[in-house]
Amino acid sequence: MTLEQYRQQCGWSLLEMARQAGINFNTLKRAMDGESVSGRTAKALAEAISRELGTTVHFQDIKGLKVSV
């Protein structure tokens, strides 16, 4: 699933997703727009989604999420 699909499944607004992941809103927007984000940001997003859904989601599982090395 894409980040947007995970966001919808969690029932979060963009602002709430950023808050749950502990990241800046503009950083989330960049990730949603297909721009590269740090590994730390990607991991924070995956962990927040995992907590909300009660399952394990790895950032590699998020379709279209680009992570800079």
N, C-alpha and C. Protein backbone atom coordinates (compact mmCIF):
# COMPACT_ATOMS: atom_id res chain seq x y z
N MET A 1 0.84 -1.18 0.00
CA MET A 1 0.00 0.00 0.00
C MET A 1 0.89 1.25 0.00
N THR A 2 0.35 2.31 -0.52
CA THR A 2 1.07 3.57 -0.54
C THR A 2 0.93 4.27 0.81
N LEU A 3 1.72 5.30 1.00
CA LEU A 3 1.63 6.08 2.23
C LEU A 3 0.24 6.69 2.38
N GLU A 4 -0.32 7.16 1.28
CA GLU A 4 -1.67 7.73 1.31
C GLU A 4 -2.70 6.68 1.71
N GLN A 5 -2.57 5.47 1.20
CA GLN A 5 -3.50 4.40 1.56
C GLN A 5 -3.38 4.04 3.03
N TYR A 6 -2.14 3.99 3.53
CA TYR A 6 -1.95 3.73 4.96
C TYR A 6 -2.56 4.87 5.78
N ARG A 7 -2.36 6.11 5.34
CA ARG A 7 -2.92 7.25 6.06
C ARG A 7 -4.44 7.13 6.17
N GLN A 8 -5.06 6.79 5.07
CA GLN A 8 -6.52 6.64 5.06
C GLN A 8 -6.96 5.48 5.94
N GLN A 9 -6.23 4.37 5.88
CA GLN A 9 -6.58 3.21 6.69
C GLN A 9 -6.48 3.54 8.19
N CYS A 10 -5.52 4.38 8.54
CA CYS A 10 -5.37 4.80 9.94
C CYS A 10 -6.41 5.84 10.34
N GLY A 11 -7.07 6.45 9.37
CA GLY A 11 -8.06 7.47 9.67
C GLY A 11 -7.45 8.80 10.07
N TRP A 12 -6.25 9.06 9.59
CA TRP A 12 -5.51 10.26 9.96
C TRP A 12 -5.58 11.33 8.89
N SER A 13 -5.56 12.57 9.33
CA SER A 13 -5.30 13.69 8.43
C SER A 13 -3.78 13.70 8.20
N LEU A 14 -3.33 14.51 7.26
CA LEU A 14 -1.89 14.64 7.05
C LEU A 14 -1.20 15.17 8.30
N LEU A 15 -1.82 16.15 8.92
CA LEU A 15 -1.24 16.74 10.13
C LEU A 15 -1.14 15.70 11.25
N GLU A 16 -2.18 14.88 11.39
CA GLU A 16 -2.16 13.84 12.43
C GLU A 16 -1.12 12.78 12.12
N MET A 17 -0.95 12.42 10.86
CA MET A 17 0.06 11.42 10.50
C MET A 17 1.45 11.94 10.87
N ALA A 18 1.71 13.20 10.55
CA ALA A 18 3.01 13.79 10.89
C ALA A 18 3.19 13.78 12.41
N ARG A 19 2.16 14.15 13.15
CA ARG A 19 2.23 14.18 14.61
C ARG A 19 2.49 12.79 15.18
N GLN A 20 1.77 11.80 14.69
CA GLN A 20 1.94 10.42 15.18
C GLN A 20 3.35 9.90 14.91
N ALA A 21 3.93 10.31 13.78
CA ALA A 21 5.27 9.85 13.43
C ALA A 21 6.36 10.72 14.06
N GLY A 22 5.96 11.87 14.61
CA GLY A 22 6.95 12.76 15.21
C GLY A 22 7.83 13.45 14.19
N ILE A 23 7.24 13.73 13.02
CA ILE A 23 8.00 14.39 11.97
C ILE A 23 7.32 15.70 11.58
N ASN A 24 8.07 16.53 10.89
CA ASN A 24 7.57 17.81 10.42
C ASN A 24 6.54 17.60 9.31
N PHE A 25 5.50 18.42 9.31
CA PHE A 25 4.45 18.32 8.29
C PHE A 25 5.03 18.44 6.88
N ASN A 26 5.96 19.37 6.68
CA ASN A 26 6.54 19.55 5.34
C ASN A 26 7.34 18.33 4.90
N THR A 27 7.96 17.66 5.85
CA THR A 27 8.69 16.42 5.54
C THR A 27 7.70 15.35 5.08
N LEU A 28 6.57 15.26 5.76
CA LEU A 28 5.55 14.30 5.36
C LEU A 28 5.05 14.62 3.96
N LYS A 29 4.81 15.89 3.68
CA LYS A 29 4.34 16.29 2.35
C LYS A 29 5.34 15.88 1.28
N ARG A 30 6.62 16.04 1.55
CA ARG A 30 7.64 15.63 0.59
C ARG A 30 7.56 14.12 0.34
N ALA A 31 7.41 13.35 1.41
CA ALA A 31 7.29 11.89 1.27
C ALA A 31 6.04 11.54 0.46
N MET A 32 4.94 12.22 0.74
CA MET A 32 3.68 11.95 0.02
C MET A 32 3.80 12.32 -1.46
N ASP A 33 4.62 13.33 -1.75
CA ASP A 33 4.81 13.79 -3.13
C ASP A 33 5.86 12.98 -3.88
N GLY A 34 6.41 11.94 -3.24
CA GLY A 34 7.37 11.06 -3.92
C GLY A 34 8.81 11.53 -3.86
N GLU A 35 9.09 12.52 -3.02
CA GLU A 35 10.47 12.96 -2.84
C GLU A 35 11.16 12.09 -1.80
N SER A 36 12.48 12.03 -1.86
CA SER A 36 13.24 11.20 -0.93
C SER A 36 13.21 11.77 0.48
N VAL A 37 13.14 10.87 1.46
CA VAL A 37 13.22 11.23 2.87
C VAL A 37 14.31 10.39 3.52
N SER A 38 14.74 10.79 4.69
CA SER A 38 15.79 10.05 5.39
C SER A 38 15.26 8.69 5.87
N GLY A 39 16.18 7.80 6.14
CA GLY A 39 15.81 6.50 6.68
C GLY A 39 15.12 6.64 8.02
N ARG A 40 15.55 7.62 8.82
CA ARG A 40 14.93 7.86 10.12
C ARG A 40 13.47 8.27 9.96
N THR A 41 13.19 9.13 8.99
CA THR A 41 11.81 9.55 8.73
C THR A 41 10.97 8.37 8.26
N ALA A 42 11.51 7.59 7.34
CA ALA A 42 10.79 6.43 6.82
C ALA A 42 10.46 5.45 7.94
N LYS A 43 11.43 5.22 8.82
CA LYS A 43 11.23 4.30 9.94
C LYS A 43 10.17 4.85 10.89
N ALA A 44 10.19 6.15 11.16
CA ALA A 44 9.21 6.77 12.06
C ALA A 44 7.80 6.63 11.49
N LEU A 45 7.65 6.80 10.20
CA LEU A 45 6.34 6.63 9.57
C LEU A 45 5.86 5.19 9.70
N ALA A 46 6.74 4.24 9.39
CA ALA A 46 6.37 2.83 9.47
C ALA A 46 6.00 2.43 10.90
N GLU A 47 6.74 2.94 11.88
CA GLU A 47 6.45 2.61 13.27
C GLU A 47 5.10 3.18 13.71
N ALA A 48 4.81 4.41 13.30
CA ALA A 48 3.52 5.03 13.66
C ALA A 48 2.36 4.25 13.05
N ILE A 49 2.51 3.87 11.79
CA ILE A 49 1.47 3.09 11.12
C ILE A 49 1.30 1.74 11.82
N SER A 50 2.41 1.11 12.14
CA SER A 50 2.37 -0.19 12.82
C SER A 50 1.63 -0.10 14.15
N ARG A 51 1.94 0.93 14.93
CA ARG A 51 1.26 1.12 16.23
C ARG A 51 -0.24 1.27 16.03
N GLU A 52 -0.63 2.09 15.07
CA GLU A 52 -2.05 2.37 14.86
C GLU A 52 -2.81 1.14 14.37
N LEU A 53 -2.19 0.38 13.48
CA LEU A 53 -2.88 -0.77 12.88
C LEU A 53 -2.68 -2.07 13.65
N GLY A 54 -1.78 -2.05 14.63
CA GLY A 54 -1.54 -3.25 15.43
C GLY A 54 -0.89 -4.36 14.65
N THR A 55 -0.06 -4.00 13.70
CA THR A 55 0.66 -4.96 12.88
C THR A 55 2.04 -4.39 12.57
N THR A 56 2.90 -5.20 12.00
CA THR A 56 4.23 -4.71 11.67
C THR A 56 4.28 -4.26 10.21
N VAL A 57 4.63 -3.00 10.03
CA VAL A 57 4.82 -2.44 8.69
C VAL A 57 6.26 -1.92 8.65
N HIS A 58 7.03 -2.39 7.68
CA HIS A 58 8.39 -1.91 7.48
C HIS A 58 8.35 -0.83 6.41
N PHE A 59 9.26 0.13 6.50
CA PHE A 59 9.21 1.21 5.51
C PHE A 59 9.39 0.68 4.09
N GLN A 60 10.05 -0.46 3.95
CA GLN A 60 10.20 -1.07 2.63
C GLN A 60 8.87 -1.57 2.08
N ASP A 61 7.89 -1.76 2.96
CA ASP A 61 6.57 -2.22 2.56
C ASP A 61 5.70 -1.10 2.00
N ILE A 62 6.11 0.15 2.20
CA ILE A 62 5.29 1.29 1.79
C ILE A 62 5.61 1.61 0.34
N LYS A 63 4.67 1.29 -0.53
CA LYS A 63 4.86 1.45 -1.97
C LYS A 63 5.10 2.92 -2.33
N GLY A 64 6.16 3.16 -3.08
CA GLY A 64 6.45 4.51 -3.56
C GLY A 64 7.21 5.39 -2.59
N LEU A 65 7.49 4.90 -1.38
CA LEU A 65 8.25 5.69 -0.42
C LEU A 65 9.72 5.65 -0.81
N LYS A 66 10.27 6.82 -1.09
CA LYS A 66 11.69 6.91 -1.51
C LYS A 66 12.54 7.30 -0.32
N VAL A 67 13.57 6.50 -0.09
CA VAL A 67 14.45 6.74 1.06
C VAL A 67 15.85 7.05 0.55
N SER A 68 16.41 8.16 1.02
CA SER A 68 17.76 8.53 0.62
C SER A 68 18.76 7.73 1.43
N VAL A 69 19.91 7.49 0.83
CA VAL A 69 20.95 6.71 1.51
C VAL A 69 22.08 7.60 1.97
